[in-house]
Protein backbone atom coordinates (compact mmCIF):
# COMPACT_ATOMS: atom_id res chain seq x y z
CA MET A 1 0.00 0.00 0.00
CA LEU A 2 2.94 2.36 0.56
CA SER A 3 4.95 1.11 -2.40
CA GLY A 4 6.85 4.03 -3.94
CA ILE A 5 7.14 5.94 -0.65
CA ARG A 6 10.75 6.41 0.50
CA VAL A 7 11.28 6.88 4.23
CA ILE A 8 14.59 7.98 5.78
CA SER A 9 14.71 6.75 9.36
CA PHE A 10 17.05 8.38 11.88
CA THR A 11 15.74 6.31 14.78
CA HIS A 12 16.88 4.16 17.68
CA PHE A 13 15.50 2.51 20.85
CA LEU A 14 11.85 1.37 20.27
CA GLN A 15 9.44 4.23 19.53
CA GLY A 16 11.19 5.32 16.32
CA PRO A 17 12.18 1.92 14.90
CA SER A 18 8.71 0.50 15.56
CA ALA A 19 7.05 3.46 13.82
CA SER A 20 9.39 2.93 10.86
CA GLN A 21 8.59 -0.79 10.86
CA PHE A 22 4.85 -0.08 10.60
CA LEU A 23 5.55 1.87 7.40
CA ALA A 24 7.99 -0.73 6.11
CA ASP A 25 5.46 -3.52 6.67
CA LEU A 26 3.03 -1.58 4.50
CA GLY A 27 5.47 -1.51 1.61
CA ALA A 28 7.37 1.74 2.09
CA GLU A 29 11.07 1.71 1.25
CA VAL A 30 12.54 2.47 4.67
CA ILE A 31 16.23 3.38 4.80
CA LYS A 32 17.57 3.17 8.35
CA VAL A 33 20.45 5.62 8.75
CA GLU A 34 22.99 4.32 11.27
CA PRO A 35 26.40 5.48 12.48
CA PRO A 36 29.37 3.22 11.73
CA THR A 37 29.02 1.84 15.28
CA GLY A 38 25.41 0.83 14.62
CA ALA A 39 22.11 1.91 16.16
CA PHE A 40 21.65 1.53 19.93
CA GLU A 41 19.32 -1.44 19.66
CA ARG A 42 22.00 -3.56 17.95
CA SER A 43 24.03 -3.70 21.16
CA TRP A 44 21.29 -3.73 23.81
CA SER A 45 18.48 -6.12 24.69
CA GLY A 46 16.31 -5.93 27.80
CA PRO A 47 17.08 -9.22 29.56
CA ASP A 48 20.37 -9.65 27.65
CA ALA A 49 18.41 -11.63 25.06
CA TYR A 50 20.68 -12.43 22.12
CA LEU A 51 20.40 -15.11 19.45
CA ASP A 52 23.92 -16.09 18.41
CA GLY A 53 25.09 -12.58 19.24
CA THR A 54 22.19 -10.74 17.58
CA SER A 55 19.99 -8.58 19.82
CA VAL A 56 16.36 -9.68 20.02
CA PHE A 57 15.52 -6.02 20.71
CA PHE A 58 17.00 -5.18 17.29
CA LEU A 59 15.26 -8.09 15.57
CA LEU A 60 11.77 -7.17 16.82
CA GLY A 61 11.66 -3.66 15.32
CA ASN A 62 13.78 -3.50 12.18
CA ARG A 63 12.36 -5.88 9.59
CA ASN A 64 11.68 -4.81 5.99
CA GLN A 65 14.22 -1.98 6.29
CA GLN A 66 17.54 -1.20 4.62
CA SER A 67 20.60 -0.39 6.72
CA PHE A 68 22.51 2.65 5.46
CA SER A 69 25.62 3.46 7.50
CA ILE A 70 27.18 6.93 7.39
CA ASP A 71 29.30 9.10 9.67
CA LEU A 72 27.01 12.13 9.93
CA LYS A 73 29.89 14.34 11.07
CA ALA A 74 32.30 13.40 8.27
CA PRO A 75 33.14 16.24 5.83
CA GLY A 76 31.74 14.36 2.85
CA ALA A 77 28.48 13.38 4.54
CA ARG A 78 26.60 16.56 3.68
CA ARG A 79 26.40 15.93 -0.04
CA VAL A 80 25.26 12.33 0.49
CA LEU A 81 22.56 13.33 2.96
CA THR A 82 21.33 16.13 0.70
CA ASP A 83 20.96 13.73 -2.20
CA LEU A 84 19.27 11.15 0.00
CA LEU A 85 16.77 13.60 1.49
CA ALA A 86 15.98 15.13 -1.89
CA SER A 87 14.81 11.67 -2.99
CA ALA A 88 12.64 11.01 0.07
CA ASP A 89 8.97 11.35 0.95
CA VAL A 90 9.33 11.01 4.73
CA LEU A 91 11.99 11.63 7.35
CA ILE A 92 11.39 10.13 10.78
CA GLU A 93 13.71 10.82 13.71
CA SER A 94 13.74 9.96 17.40
CA PHE A 95 16.82 11.79 18.69
CA ARG A 96 16.63 14.13 21.64
CA PRO A 97 15.20 17.56 20.71
CA GLY A 98 17.87 19.75 19.14
CA ALA A 99 20.16 16.92 18.01
CA MET A 100 19.00 16.99 14.38
CA ASP A 101 19.30 20.80 14.30
CA ARG A 102 22.91 20.55 15.47
CA LEU A 103 23.60 18.16 12.60
CA GLY A 104 22.06 20.59 10.11
CA LEU A 105 19.11 18.22 9.67
CA GLY A 106 16.36 20.16 11.45
CA TYR A 107 12.98 20.66 9.83
CA ASN A 108 13.78 24.04 8.26
CA ASP A 109 17.10 22.75 6.89
CA VAL A 110 15.50 19.70 5.32
CA ALA A 111 12.39 21.52 4.05
CA ALA A 112 14.70 23.82 2.11
CA ILE A 113 16.12 20.76 0.35
CA ASN A 114 12.78 19.03 -0.19
CA PRO A 115 9.58 21.06 0.41
CA ARG A 116 7.40 17.96 -0.17
CA LEU A 117 9.04 16.01 2.66
CA ILE A 118 6.98 14.85 5.64
CA TYR A 119 9.23 15.38 8.68
CA CYS A 120 8.24 13.36 11.76
CA SER A 121 9.89 13.96 15.15
CA LEU A 122 9.33 11.47 17.96
CA SER A 123 10.49 12.50 21.42
CA GLY A 124 9.88 11.96 25.11
CA TYR A 125 8.03 15.15 26.02
CA GLY A 126 7.91 17.30 22.86
CA SER A 127 10.34 19.54 21.01
CA ASP A 128 10.25 22.30 23.62
CA GLY A 129 8.94 23.07 27.10
CA PRO A 130 10.23 22.61 30.66
CA TYR A 131 10.91 18.86 30.24
CA VAL A 132 12.67 19.08 26.89
CA ASP A 133 16.01 17.89 28.28
CA ARG A 134 14.62 15.05 30.40
CA PRO A 135 15.26 11.47 29.30
CA GLY A 136 12.19 10.01 27.62
CA GLN A 137 11.87 6.31 28.43
CA ASP A 138 8.79 4.15 28.76
CA VAL A 139 8.62 3.49 32.50
CA LEU A 140 9.54 7.12 33.27
CA LEU A 141 6.55 8.23 31.20
CA GLN A 142 4.30 5.69 32.89
CA ALA A 143 5.31 7.38 36.13
CA VAL A 144 4.99 11.04 35.14
CA SER A 145 1.70 10.55 33.23
CA GLY A 146 -0.18 9.02 36.17
CA LEU A 147 -0.42 5.62 34.51
CA ALA A 148 1.65 3.81 37.14
CA ALA A 149 -0.26 5.46 39.99
CA ALA A 150 -3.55 4.33 38.43
CA THR A 151 -2.46 0.70 38.16
CA GLY A 152 -2.47 -1.98 40.83
CA ARG A 153 -4.47 -2.61 43.98
CA GLY A 154 -5.06 -0.09 46.72
CA GLY A 155 -2.50 -0.09 49.49
CA VAL A 156 0.37 -1.22 47.26
CA SER A 157 2.95 0.86 45.44
CA PRO A 158 2.09 2.35 42.04
CA THR A 159 2.57 -0.40 39.47
CA PRO A 160 4.05 0.07 35.98
CA VAL A 161 2.47 -2.01 33.24
CA GLY A 162 4.44 -5.13 32.30
CA ALA A 163 5.34 -3.98 28.78
CA SER A 164 6.68 -0.91 26.96
CA ILE A 165 3.17 0.17 26.03
CA VAL A 166 3.98 3.90 25.92
CA ASP A 167 6.82 3.40 23.44
CA GLN A 168 4.65 1.24 21.22
CA HIS A 169 1.66 3.58 21.35
CA GLY A 170 3.98 6.50 20.59
CA ALA A 171 5.19 4.56 17.54
CA THR A 172 1.61 3.96 16.43
CA LEU A 173 0.72 7.63 16.78
CA GLY A 174 3.85 8.61 14.85
CA ALA A 175 2.94 6.29 11.98
CA LEU A 176 -0.65 7.60 12.04
CA GLY A 177 0.59 11.19 11.82
CA ILE A 178 2.84 10.35 8.87
CA LEU A 179 0.02 8.65 6.98
CA ALA A 180 -2.28 11.62 7.60
CA ALA A 181 0.40 14.05 6.38
CA LEU A 182 1.04 11.98 3.26
CA HIS A 183 -2.68 12.05 2.52
CA GLY A 184 -2.73 15.81 3.03
CA ARG A 185 0.22 16.25 0.70
CA GLU A 186 -1.82 14.66 -2.09
CA ARG A 187 -4.11 17.71 -1.91
CA THR A 188 -1.65 20.49 -1.12
CA GLY A 189 1.60 19.30 -2.69
CA ARG A 190 3.44 20.44 0.43
CA GLY A 191 5.18 18.56 3.20
CA MET A 192 4.80 19.35 6.89
CA LYS A 193 6.26 18.65 10.30
CA VAL A 194 4.57 15.94 12.37
CA GLU A 195 5.37 15.53 16.07
CA SER A 196 4.44 12.83 18.54
CA ASN A 197 5.87 12.24 21.99
CA LEU A 198 5.71 9.68 24.75
CA LEU A 199 3.92 11.97 27.20
CA ASN A 200 1.05 12.50 24.77
CA ALA A 201 1.02 8.76 24.06
CA ALA A 202 0.87 7.88 27.77
CA LEU A 203 -2.01 10.29 28.33
CA ASP A 204 -3.85 9.05 25.24
CA LEU A 205 -3.71 5.52 26.64
CA GLN A 206 -5.74 6.86 29.58
CA ILE A 207 -8.41 8.57 27.50
CA GLU A 208 -11.25 7.09 29.56
CA PRO A 209 -10.07 7.34 33.21
CA PHE A 210 -8.40 10.72 32.66
CA ALA A 211 -11.64 12.12 31.24
CA TYR A 212 -13.49 10.89 34.34
CA TYR A 213 -10.95 12.70 36.51
CA LEU A 214 -11.10 15.93 34.49
CA ASN A 215 -14.86 15.96 34.92
CA GLY A 216 -14.90 15.65 38.67
CA PHE A 217 -14.81 11.93 39.40
CA ARG A 218 -12.26 10.95 42.06
CA GLY A 219 -11.89 7.20 42.33
CA GLU A 220 -9.48 5.18 44.44
CA ARG A 221 -7.74 1.94 43.57
CA SER A 222 -9.56 -1.06 44.96
CA GLU A 223 -7.96 -3.11 47.71
CA SER A 224 -9.44 -6.37 46.42
CA GLY A 225 -10.19 -7.67 42.95
CA VAL A 226 -10.73 -4.46 40.95
CA SER A 227 -7.77 -3.33 38.87
CA SER A 228 -9.31 0.01 37.89
CA ARG A 229 -10.37 3.01 39.94
CA PHE A 230 -13.34 3.63 37.69
CA TYR A 231 -15.40 0.46 37.29
CA LYS A 232 -17.97 -1.38 39.35
CA ALA A 233 -17.25 -4.84 40.69
CA PRO A 234 -16.42 -7.26 39.30
CA TYR A 235 -13.61 -5.87 37.16
CA GLY A 236 -10.25 -7.55 37.43
CA VAL A 237 -8.39 -10.72 38.32
CA PHE A 238 -9.69 -12.99 41.09
CA PRO A 239 -8.15 -16.11 42.68
CA THR A 240 -9.80 -19.50 42.33
CA ALA A 241 -9.04 -22.76 44.15
CA ASP A 242 -6.07 -23.46 41.87
CA GLY A 243 -5.41 -20.34 39.79
CA PHE A 244 -7.05 -17.16 38.58
CA VAL A 245 -9.91 -15.91 36.44
CA CYS A 246 -10.62 -12.45 35.05
CA LEU A 247 -14.19 -11.12 35.37
CA SER A 248 -15.49 -7.97 33.70
CA LEU A 249 -18.63 -5.84 33.74
CA ASN A 250 -21.15 -8.45 34.82
CA SER A 251 -24.44 -7.46 36.39
CA LEU A 252 -25.22 -8.48 39.95
CA ALA A 253 -28.12 -10.54 38.62
CA THR A 254 -25.66 -12.50 36.48
CA LEU A 255 -23.41 -13.06 39.50
CA GLU A 256 -26.41 -14.33 41.47
CA LYS A 257 -26.96 -16.94 38.75
CA LEU A 258 -23.27 -17.85 38.57
CA PHE A 259 -22.84 -18.38 42.28
CA GLY A 260 -26.39 -19.34 43.23
CA ASP A 261 -26.15 -16.69 45.95
CA PRO A 262 -29.18 -14.42 46.62
CA TRP A 263 -26.90 -11.97 48.47
CA PHE A 264 -26.01 -10.36 45.15
CA GLY A 265 -29.70 -9.70 44.47
CA GLY A 266 -29.82 -7.63 47.64
CA VAL A 267 -27.34 -5.09 46.28
CA SER A 268 -28.83 -2.54 43.89
CA GLU A 269 -26.97 -1.79 40.67
CA THR A 270 -26.85 1.88 41.66
CA ASP A 271 -24.92 0.90 44.81
CA SER A 272 -22.59 -1.59 43.13
CA TYR A 273 -19.73 0.90 42.74
CA ALA A 274 -19.92 2.22 46.30
CA ARG A 275 -20.15 -1.34 47.64
CA ARG A 276 -17.64 -2.84 45.25
CA GLU A 277 -15.31 -4.08 48.00
CA GLU A 278 -18.15 -6.03 49.60
CA VAL A 279 -19.04 -7.46 46.20
CA ASN A 280 -15.43 -8.40 45.52
CA ARG A 281 -15.02 -10.15 48.86
CA ARG A 282 -18.19 -12.14 48.24
CA ILE A 283 -16.95 -13.13 44.76
CA VAL A 284 -13.58 -14.25 46.13
CA GLY A 285 -15.31 -16.35 48.78
CA HIS A 286 -17.11 -18.31 46.07
CA LEU A 287 -14.29 -18.53 43.54
CA ARG A 288 -11.81 -20.00 46.01
CA GLU A 289 -14.03 -23.06 46.49
CA ILE A 290 -13.73 -24.54 42.98
CA PRO A 291 -10.89 -25.06 40.44
CA THR A 292 -10.47 -22.64 37.54
CA ALA A 293 -11.57 -25.00 34.75
CA GLU A 294 -14.90 -25.63 36.46
CA TRP A 295 -15.51 -21.89 36.79
CA PHE A 296 -14.85 -21.48 33.07
CA ALA A 297 -17.61 -24.01 32.33
CA ARG A 298 -20.02 -22.31 34.72
CA CYS A 299 -19.25 -18.88 33.25
CA GLU A 300 -19.98 -20.20 29.78
CA ALA A 301 -23.29 -21.64 30.94
CA VAL A 302 -24.65 -18.34 32.32
CA LYS A 303 -22.87 -16.10 29.79
CA VAL A 304 -20.56 -14.38 32.26
CA TRP A 305 -17.88 -12.12 30.77
CA TYR A 306 -14.69 -13.87 31.75
CA ALA A 307 -11.22 -14.74 30.46
CA PRO A 308 -8.38 -17.02 31.47
CA VAL A 309 -5.36 -15.27 32.98
CA ASN A 310 -2.67 -16.48 30.61
CA GLY A 311 1.06 -16.36 30.95
CA TYR A 312 3.09 -16.11 27.74
CA GLU A 313 3.41 -19.91 27.74
CA GLU A 314 -0.37 -20.09 27.28
CA VAL A 315 -0.56 -17.14 24.89
CA VAL A 316 1.78 -18.72 22.32
CA VAL A 317 -0.51 -21.76 22.03
CA ASP A 318 -3.81 -19.91 22.41
CA PRO A 319 -6.11 -21.06 19.58
CA GLN A 320 -7.24 -17.54 18.68
CA VAL A 321 -3.67 -16.21 18.65
CA LEU A 322 -2.69 -19.07 16.36
CA HIS A 323 -5.75 -18.55 14.15
CA ASN A 324 -4.95 -14.83 13.84
CA GLU A 325 -1.34 -15.64 12.87
CA SER A 326 -0.11 -13.09 15.39
CA ILE A 327 3.41 -14.52 15.56
CA LEU A 328 5.81 -14.08 12.65
CA ALA A 329 8.71 -16.51 12.21
CA PHE A 330 11.71 -16.07 9.93
CA GLU A 331 15.25 -17.35 9.42
CA HIS A 332 18.03 -14.84 10.03
CA PRO A 333 21.55 -15.41 8.64
CA GLU A 334 23.20 -14.77 12.02
CA ALA A 335 20.46 -15.28 14.63
CA GLY A 336 18.93 -18.40 13.08
CA HIS A 337 15.25 -19.07 13.77
CA VAL A 338 13.51 -15.93 15.05
CA GLU A 339 9.93 -15.39 16.21
CA VAL A 340 8.43 -11.92 16.76
CA LEU A 341 5.01 -10.33 16.74
CA ALA A 342 3.53 -9.78 13.29
CA HIS A 343 2.06 -6.55 11.96
CA PRO A 344 -1.11 -6.07 14.05
CA ILE A 345 -3.58 -5.17 11.27
CA THR A 346 -5.01 -7.27 8.45
CA TYR A 347 -5.79 -5.93 4.97
CA ASP A 348 -8.32 -7.94 2.97
CA GLY A 349 -7.87 -10.61 5.60
CA ARG A 350 -4.08 -10.80 5.35
CA ARG A 351 -1.23 -9.47 7.47
CA PRO A 352 1.77 -7.91 5.72
CA GLY A 353 4.63 -10.39 5.69
CA ILE A 354 8.38 -10.09 5.74
CA ARG A 355 10.23 -8.90 2.64
CA SER A 356 13.64 -8.63 4.26
CA VAL A 357 14.98 -9.69 7.65
CA PRO A 358 16.68 -7.09 9.88
CA GLN A 359 19.90 -6.34 8.05
CA ALA A 360 23.54 -6.33 9.01
CA LEU A 361 24.97 -2.87 9.62
CA GLY A 362 25.43 -0.99 6.35
CA ALA A 363 24.17 -3.88 4.21
CA SER A 364 22.26 -1.54 1.87
CA THR A 365 24.62 1.45 1.85
CA ARG A 366 25.98 0.70 -1.61
CA SER A 367 22.63 -0.12 -3.20
CA VAL A 368 20.97 3.01 -1.77
CA LEU A 369 23.74 5.21 -3.17
CA GLY A 370 23.40 3.39 -6.48
CA SER A 371 19.73 4.39 -6.54
CA LEU A 372 20.91 8.01 -6.24
CA SER A 373 23.09 7.55 -9.36
CA TYR A 374 26.39 7.36 -7.50
CA THR A 375 28.97 5.42 -9.51
CA GLU A 376 30.89 2.49 -8.07
CA ALA A 377 34.04 4.61 -8.11
CA GLU A 378 32.31 7.39 -6.12
CA ILE A 379 31.00 4.89 -3.61
CA ASP A 380 34.44 3.32 -3.22
CA GLU A 381 35.90 6.76 -2.58
CA LEU A 382 33.33 7.50 0.14
CA VAL A 383 34.16 4.18 1.77
CA ALA A 384 37.89 4.93 1.64
CA GLU A 385 37.31 8.37 3.22
CA GLY A 386 35.32 6.83 6.07
CA VAL A 387 32.14 8.70 5.17
CA ILE A 388 30.10 5.53 4.72
CA LEU A 389 30.32 1.90 5.78
CA ASP A 390 29.69 -0.68 3.09
CA GLY A 391 28.39 -3.64 5.07
CA ALA A 392 27.69 -5.67 1.94
CA HIS A 393 31.41 -6.24 1.28
């Protein structure tokens, strides 16, 4: 769908590479610009997860992209970058605010080279403001945005979510902004600057509870089985005799049927939020009596909204996950067999696949320059001068 769109990606960590990968999955030609030492994610992986020396963190966010390695500070780099940007439709960058300007690659500099370019900046807090120099990292944004304080049971410490959800949502918003700007360019013929940041992404993830707060509702985290400050019981994860079950948004009449307990009928629906701790304690008292599998059968029988509480070992064999083909496997020349999450959207019932595995550093430097009409002799000279790294040779 994005065939013919050239994207120049100055990105590292997760927010930027993942946004670039969304576009690459959709067919855009994404050229990942890396220093001769490689992007950060090549040499870092959360739990030191490497497959034969290759970072899993790198493998999960850099498929379908070309690695172009250049020393941005080398004297001969300017001409190469000018030619590259003149050929592009999109530039996406995730450096700290001001870094691209210092390299002569800020929006005004690049727009002068290519007025049709969509320029997307992804940052922690935005391109200016009192937090502009703060480090922007997922768990820090979960903390500052209120997300960690809203998560977990009452009486325990604020609880960060168990995944880099802010980074990934920031990537999604960045890709959305780029697509909107490309659509707008079809009408105006002009490029524009698009900005997304992790703070906005973290707040956007809380669109519902934050709106309740802004409009006067002050909820507290539940001390029992409710994971949210803003919902009636039952809403959350509850223990059974041998495990856990998740219950959500069931009426008290439904709970009366499930448990065969007339106590629930004595609580009015209008009081179910104020009395949610009583309701939760009553639910736990019943659930602890019977094993999880039996509760699943009973929930099905009375149409209770429920779900198993899966660990990853259950998720990877979940029949719906398998049916949806949510896991993408490929063979990598260094890492061997790799499995990552696939593109999350289907188009005419199909997910975009993998056209190229995450590349070795500088693997496409020579071919990209060839597309800009550089001769082999000119490319060899740039390699000899240390301006570029030719990882294909």
